[in-house]
């Protein structure tokens, strides 16, 4: 019984262990916000690249056919830019997401490659 009461009193006491690592609540809150921001940006990049307007993967084969065969963009439903774009609907967002994805991957590669080396 004495051990249980000592454990409860020790658990609820205000004494701080000098060997225990102290955490600043501001740093913990900032880390939570940064993780949520990173997850949101990753979600947007993947959604804009792979889902919006059918995704970039649905536009690659028609684009190759337009460039290297006798097919035209009209064969794939393209009428005009703001009105009806057929298969190419949402290509601007897909390209922007592709560029941002390449920049993010290059930045992450640079950080992991050169962050531990002395200059």
N, C-alpha and C. Protein backbone atom coordinates (compact mmCIF):
# COMPACT_ATOMS: atom_id res chain seq x y z
N UNK A 1 0.82 -1.19 0.00
CA UNK A 1 0.00 0.00 0.00
C UNK A 1 0.87 1.26 0.00
N UNK A 2 1.98 1.17 0.73
CA UNK A 2 2.89 2.31 0.80
C UNK A 2 3.50 2.60 -0.58
N UNK A 3 3.82 1.54 -1.34
CA UNK A 3 4.40 1.73 -2.67
C UNK A 3 3.39 2.41 -3.61
N UNK A 4 2.15 2.02 -3.51
CA UNK A 4 1.12 2.61 -4.37
C UNK A 4 0.94 4.08 -4.04
N UNK A 5 0.87 4.40 -2.75
CA UNK A 5 0.68 5.79 -2.34
C UNK A 5 1.90 6.63 -2.71
N UNK A 6 3.11 6.10 -2.60
CA UNK A 6 4.32 6.83 -3.01
C UNK A 6 4.32 7.07 -4.53
N UNK A 7 3.89 6.08 -5.28
CA UNK A 7 3.83 6.23 -6.74
C UNK A 7 2.84 7.32 -7.13
N UNK A 8 1.67 7.32 -6.51
CA UNK A 8 0.64 8.32 -6.82
C UNK A 8 1.12 9.71 -6.43
N UNK A 9 1.71 9.84 -5.26
CA UNK A 9 2.23 11.15 -4.83
C UNK A 9 3.37 11.62 -5.74
N UNK A 10 4.23 10.72 -6.14
CA UNK A 10 5.33 11.07 -7.04
C UNK A 10 4.81 11.46 -8.43
N UNK A 11 3.78 10.77 -8.87
CA UNK A 11 3.21 11.04 -10.19
C UNK A 11 2.59 12.43 -10.26
N UNK A 12 1.92 12.85 -9.20
CA UNK A 12 1.25 14.15 -9.18
C UNK A 12 2.07 15.25 -8.53
N UNK A 13 3.31 15.01 -8.18
CA UNK A 13 4.12 16.04 -7.52
C UNK A 13 4.64 17.04 -8.55
N UNK A 14 5.04 18.21 -8.05
CA UNK A 14 5.56 19.26 -8.92
C UNK A 14 7.08 19.20 -9.08
N UNK A 15 7.72 18.23 -8.46
CA UNK A 15 9.16 18.12 -8.57
C UNK A 15 9.52 17.68 -9.98
N UNK A 16 10.53 18.35 -10.54
CA UNK A 16 10.99 17.98 -11.87
C UNK A 16 12.29 17.21 -11.76
N UNK A 17 12.38 16.17 -12.53
CA UNK A 17 13.59 15.37 -12.58
C UNK A 17 14.64 16.12 -13.41
N UNK A 18 15.83 16.38 -12.84
CA UNK A 18 16.83 17.15 -13.61
C UNK A 18 17.35 16.40 -14.84
N UNK A 19 17.23 15.09 -14.88
CA UNK A 19 17.70 14.32 -16.02
C UNK A 19 16.65 14.21 -17.13
N UNK A 20 15.44 14.59 -16.83
CA UNK A 20 14.37 14.50 -17.82
C UNK A 20 14.47 15.67 -18.81
N UNK A 21 14.24 15.37 -20.07
CA UNK A 21 14.31 16.40 -21.11
C UNK A 21 13.07 17.27 -21.01
N UNK A 22 13.27 18.59 -21.03
CA UNK A 22 12.15 19.51 -20.96
C UNK A 22 11.69 19.90 -22.35
N UNK A 23 10.40 19.96 -22.56
CA UNK A 23 9.83 20.32 -23.86
C UNK A 23 9.13 21.66 -23.74
N UNK A 24 9.43 22.53 -24.69
CA UNK A 24 8.78 23.82 -24.74
C UNK A 24 7.45 23.65 -25.49
N UNK A 25 6.34 24.06 -24.89
CA UNK A 25 5.05 23.89 -25.56
C UNK A 25 4.96 24.64 -26.89
N UNK A 26 5.68 25.74 -27.02
CA UNK A 26 5.66 26.49 -28.28
C UNK A 26 6.32 25.67 -29.38
N UNK A 27 7.42 25.00 -29.07
CA UNK A 27 8.09 24.18 -30.07
C UNK A 27 7.23 22.98 -30.46
N UNK A 28 6.56 22.39 -29.51
CA UNK A 28 5.68 21.25 -29.81
C UNK A 28 4.52 21.72 -30.70
N UNK A 29 3.91 22.85 -30.35
CA UNK A 29 2.82 23.39 -31.16
C UNK A 29 3.27 23.76 -32.56
N UNK A 30 4.46 24.38 -32.66
CA UNK A 30 4.99 24.74 -33.98
C UNK A 30 5.27 23.49 -34.81
N UNK A 31 5.77 22.45 -34.19
CA UNK A 31 6.05 21.21 -34.93
C UNK A 31 4.75 20.59 -35.43
N UNK A 32 3.70 20.63 -34.63
CA UNK A 32 2.41 20.09 -35.07
C UNK A 32 1.89 20.88 -36.28
N UNK A 33 2.00 22.20 -36.21
CA UNK A 33 1.54 23.04 -37.32
C UNK A 33 2.36 22.78 -38.57
N UNK A 34 3.69 22.66 -38.43
CA UNK A 34 4.55 22.41 -39.59
C UNK A 34 4.29 21.03 -40.21
N UNK A 35 4.01 20.05 -39.37
CA UNK A 35 3.69 18.71 -39.91
C UNK A 35 2.37 18.75 -40.67
N UNK A 36 1.37 19.43 -40.12
CA UNK A 36 0.09 19.55 -40.83
C UNK A 36 0.26 20.33 -42.14
N UNK A 37 1.08 21.37 -42.13
CA UNK A 37 1.34 22.13 -43.35
C UNK A 37 2.04 21.26 -44.40
N UNK A 38 3.03 20.50 -43.97
CA UNK A 38 3.72 19.61 -44.90
C UNK A 38 2.81 18.55 -45.48
N UNK A 39 1.95 17.98 -44.65
CA UNK A 39 1.00 16.99 -45.15
C UNK A 39 0.00 17.61 -46.12
N UNK A 40 -0.44 18.82 -45.83
CA UNK A 40 -1.39 19.50 -46.71
C UNK A 40 -0.75 19.82 -48.06
N UNK A 41 0.48 20.29 -48.05
CA UNK A 41 1.16 20.59 -49.31
C UNK A 41 1.41 19.32 -50.11
N UNK A 42 1.79 18.25 -49.44
CA UNK A 42 2.00 16.97 -50.14
C UNK A 42 0.69 16.48 -50.75
N UNK A 43 -0.41 16.59 -50.00
CA UNK A 43 -1.70 16.18 -50.53
C UNK A 43 -2.07 17.00 -51.75
N UNK A 44 -1.88 18.34 -51.67
CA UNK A 44 -2.23 19.18 -52.81
C UNK A 44 -1.39 18.82 -54.02
N UNK A 45 -0.09 18.63 -53.84
CA UNK A 45 0.77 18.29 -54.97
C UNK A 45 0.33 16.99 -55.63
N UNK A 46 0.10 15.97 -54.84
CA UNK A 46 -0.29 14.69 -55.41
C UNK A 46 -1.67 14.75 -56.05
N UNK A 47 -2.60 15.46 -55.42
CA UNK A 47 -3.95 15.57 -55.98
C UNK A 47 -3.91 16.35 -57.30
N UNK A 48 -3.21 17.48 -57.32
CA UNK A 48 -3.15 18.29 -58.53
C UNK A 48 -2.40 17.57 -59.64
N UNK A 49 -1.42 16.75 -59.29
CA UNK A 49 -0.65 16.05 -60.30
C UNK A 49 -1.36 14.82 -60.84
N UNK A 50 -1.99 14.05 -59.96
CA UNK A 50 -2.51 12.75 -60.35
C UNK A 50 -4.02 12.65 -60.49
N UNK A 51 -4.78 13.62 -59.97
CA UNK A 51 -6.24 13.49 -59.95
C UNK A 51 -6.93 14.61 -60.74
N UNK A 52 -6.52 15.85 -60.56
CA UNK A 52 -7.24 16.99 -61.14
C UNK A 52 -7.29 16.88 -62.66
N UNK A 53 -8.46 16.97 -63.22
CA UNK A 53 -8.65 16.92 -64.66
C UNK A 53 -8.25 15.59 -65.28
N UNK A 54 -8.29 14.54 -64.50
CA UNK A 54 -7.90 13.22 -65.01
C UNK A 54 -6.44 12.89 -64.74
N UNK A 55 -5.68 13.85 -64.24
CA UNK A 55 -4.28 13.60 -63.92
C UNK A 55 -3.38 13.74 -65.13
N UNK A 56 -2.11 13.93 -64.84
CA UNK A 56 -1.14 14.12 -65.92
C UNK A 56 -0.92 12.84 -66.71
N UNK A 57 -1.13 11.69 -66.07
CA UNK A 57 -0.90 10.42 -66.76
C UNK A 57 -1.91 10.20 -67.89
N UNK A 58 -3.08 10.82 -67.82
CA UNK A 58 -4.08 10.68 -68.88
C UNK A 58 -3.80 11.60 -70.07
N UNK A 59 -2.89 12.56 -69.88
CA UNK A 59 -2.59 13.52 -70.94
C UNK A 59 -1.31 13.20 -71.69
N UNK A 60 -0.48 12.33 -71.17
CA UNK A 60 0.82 12.05 -71.78
C UNK A 60 0.67 11.35 -73.12
N UNK A 61 -0.09 10.27 -73.18
CA UNK A 61 -0.25 9.51 -74.43
C UNK A 61 -0.93 10.35 -75.52
N UNK A 62 -2.03 11.08 -75.23
CA UNK A 62 -2.59 11.94 -76.28
C UNK A 62 -1.62 13.03 -76.75
N UNK A 63 -0.82 13.58 -75.84
CA UNK A 63 0.15 14.60 -76.23
C UNK A 63 1.21 14.01 -77.16
N UNK A 64 1.67 12.80 -76.86
CA UNK A 64 2.64 12.13 -77.73
C UNK A 64 2.03 11.85 -79.10
N UNK A 65 0.76 11.44 -79.11
CA UNK A 65 0.10 11.19 -80.39
C UNK A 65 -0.06 12.46 -81.21
N UNK A 66 -0.35 13.57 -80.54
CA UNK A 66 -0.49 14.85 -81.26
C UNK A 66 0.86 15.29 -81.81
N UNK A 67 1.92 15.11 -81.04
CA UNK A 67 3.24 15.57 -81.48
C UNK A 67 3.85 14.70 -82.58
N UNK A 68 3.64 13.40 -82.54
CA UNK A 68 4.37 12.51 -83.44
C UNK A 68 3.51 11.77 -84.46
N UNK A 69 2.20 11.97 -84.46
CA UNK A 69 1.34 11.34 -85.47
C UNK A 69 0.52 12.42 -86.15
N UNK A 70 -0.39 12.00 -86.98
CA UNK A 70 -1.22 12.97 -87.70
C UNK A 70 -2.46 13.39 -86.92
N UNK A 71 -2.60 12.94 -85.69
CA UNK A 71 -3.76 13.34 -84.88
C UNK A 71 -3.62 14.80 -84.47
N UNK A 72 -4.77 15.43 -84.25
CA UNK A 72 -4.79 16.81 -83.79
C UNK A 72 -5.40 16.86 -82.40
N UNK A 73 -5.28 18.02 -81.75
CA UNK A 73 -5.88 18.15 -80.43
C UNK A 73 -7.40 18.09 -80.51
N UNK A 74 -7.95 18.44 -81.66
CA UNK A 74 -9.40 18.34 -81.86
C UNK A 74 -9.89 16.90 -81.82
N UNK A 75 -9.01 15.95 -82.19
CA UNK A 75 -9.39 14.53 -82.11
C UNK A 75 -9.60 14.08 -80.67
N UNK A 76 -9.03 14.80 -79.75
CA UNK A 76 -9.15 14.45 -78.33
C UNK A 76 -10.13 15.35 -77.59
N UNK A 77 -10.96 16.08 -78.33
CA UNK A 77 -12.03 16.86 -77.72
C UNK A 77 -11.70 18.32 -77.46
N UNK A 78 -10.54 18.79 -77.90
CA UNK A 78 -10.15 20.18 -77.67
C UNK A 78 -10.89 21.09 -78.64
N UNK A 79 -11.59 22.09 -78.07
CA UNK A 79 -12.30 23.07 -78.89
C UNK A 79 -11.66 24.44 -78.71
N UNK A 80 -11.44 24.85 -77.48
CA UNK A 80 -10.83 26.14 -77.18
C UNK A 80 -10.44 26.18 -75.72
N UNK A 81 -9.47 27.05 -75.40
CA UNK A 81 -8.89 27.02 -74.05
C UNK A 81 -9.89 27.20 -72.90
N UNK A 82 -10.62 28.28 -72.84
CA UNK A 82 -11.43 28.38 -71.62
C UNK A 82 -12.71 27.57 -71.65
N UNK A 83 -13.09 27.03 -72.82
CA UNK A 83 -14.40 26.42 -72.94
C UNK A 83 -14.36 24.89 -72.85
N UNK A 84 -13.87 24.26 -73.85
CA UNK A 84 -13.88 22.80 -73.90
C UNK A 84 -12.48 22.33 -74.30
N UNK A 85 -11.84 21.58 -73.39
CA UNK A 85 -10.46 21.15 -73.66
C UNK A 85 -10.34 19.65 -73.81
N UNK A 86 -11.43 18.93 -73.65
CA UNK A 86 -11.40 17.48 -73.83
C UNK A 86 -10.47 16.79 -72.86
N UNK A 87 -9.60 15.95 -73.39
CA UNK A 87 -8.66 15.19 -72.56
C UNK A 87 -7.67 16.11 -71.86
N UNK A 88 -7.40 17.26 -72.44
CA UNK A 88 -6.40 18.17 -71.90
C UNK A 88 -6.95 19.11 -70.84
N UNK A 89 -8.10 18.82 -70.30
CA UNK A 89 -8.70 19.63 -69.24
C UNK A 89 -7.81 19.60 -68.00
N UNK A 90 -7.43 20.77 -67.50
CA UNK A 90 -6.64 20.87 -66.28
C UNK A 90 -5.15 20.71 -66.47
N UNK A 91 -4.65 20.84 -67.71
CA UNK A 91 -3.23 20.60 -67.95
C UNK A 91 -2.34 21.64 -67.28
N UNK A 92 -2.83 22.88 -67.13
CA UNK A 92 -2.02 23.92 -66.49
C UNK A 92 -1.74 23.56 -65.04
N UNK A 93 -2.77 23.14 -64.33
CA UNK A 93 -2.60 22.74 -62.93
C UNK A 93 -1.69 21.52 -62.83
N UNK A 94 -1.84 20.57 -63.74
CA UNK A 94 -0.98 19.38 -63.72
C UNK A 94 0.48 19.75 -63.94
N UNK A 95 0.75 20.65 -64.87
CA UNK A 95 2.14 21.05 -65.15
C UNK A 95 2.72 21.82 -63.97
N UNK A 96 1.94 22.72 -63.37
CA UNK A 96 2.43 23.46 -62.20
C UNK A 96 2.74 22.50 -61.06
N UNK A 97 1.88 21.53 -60.83
CA UNK A 97 2.12 20.54 -59.77
C UNK A 97 3.35 19.69 -60.10
N UNK A 98 3.57 19.38 -61.37
CA UNK A 98 4.76 18.62 -61.76
C UNK A 98 6.02 19.41 -61.48
N UNK A 99 6.01 20.70 -61.81
CA UNK A 99 7.18 21.54 -61.56
C UNK A 99 7.44 21.66 -60.07
N UNK A 100 6.39 21.90 -59.27
CA UNK A 100 6.56 21.99 -57.82
C UNK A 100 7.04 20.66 -57.24
N UNK A 101 6.53 19.56 -57.74
CA UNK A 101 6.96 18.24 -57.25
C UNK A 101 8.44 18.02 -57.54
N UNK A 102 8.89 18.40 -58.74
CA UNK A 102 10.31 18.27 -59.07
C UNK A 102 11.15 19.16 -58.16
N UNK A 103 10.69 20.38 -57.90
CA UNK A 103 11.43 21.28 -57.00
C UNK A 103 11.50 20.72 -55.59
N UNK A 104 10.40 20.18 -55.08
CA UNK A 104 10.39 19.62 -53.73
C UNK A 104 11.30 18.40 -53.64
N UNK A 105 11.22 17.51 -54.61
CA UNK A 105 12.07 16.32 -54.59
C UNK A 105 13.54 16.71 -54.70
N UNK A 106 13.86 17.68 -55.56
CA UNK A 106 15.24 18.14 -55.68
C UNK A 106 15.71 18.79 -54.38
N UNK A 107 14.86 19.57 -53.75
CA UNK A 107 15.22 20.18 -52.46
C UNK A 107 15.45 19.15 -51.38
N UNK A 108 14.59 18.14 -51.31
CA UNK A 108 14.78 17.08 -50.31
C UNK A 108 16.05 16.31 -50.59
N UNK A 109 16.32 16.01 -51.87
CA UNK A 109 17.55 15.32 -52.23
C UNK A 109 18.77 16.14 -51.84
N UNK A 110 18.73 17.46 -52.09
CA UNK A 110 19.84 18.33 -51.73
C UNK A 110 20.06 18.35 -50.23
N UNK A 111 18.98 18.45 -49.47
CA UNK A 111 19.10 18.49 -48.01
C UNK A 111 19.72 17.20 -47.48
N UNK A 112 19.25 16.06 -47.96
CA UNK A 112 19.79 14.79 -47.46
C UNK A 112 21.19 14.50 -47.98
N UNK A 113 21.56 15.05 -49.12
CA UNK A 113 22.89 14.80 -49.67
C UNK A 113 23.95 15.69 -49.03
N UNK A 114 23.65 16.97 -48.86
CA UNK A 114 24.67 17.93 -48.44
C UNK A 114 24.52 18.44 -47.02
N UNK A 115 23.53 18.02 -46.27
CA UNK A 115 23.34 18.58 -44.93
C UNK A 115 24.37 18.07 -43.93
N UNK A 116 24.88 16.86 -44.10
CA UNK A 116 25.82 16.31 -43.14
C UNK A 116 27.26 16.54 -43.48
N UNK A 117 27.56 17.06 -44.66
CA UNK A 117 28.94 17.27 -45.08
C UNK A 117 29.47 18.62 -44.61
N UNK A 118 30.73 18.62 -44.21
CA UNK A 118 31.38 19.88 -43.83
C UNK A 118 31.85 20.59 -45.08
N UNK A 119 31.79 21.92 -45.05
CA UNK A 119 32.20 22.66 -46.24
C UNK A 119 33.53 23.33 -46.04
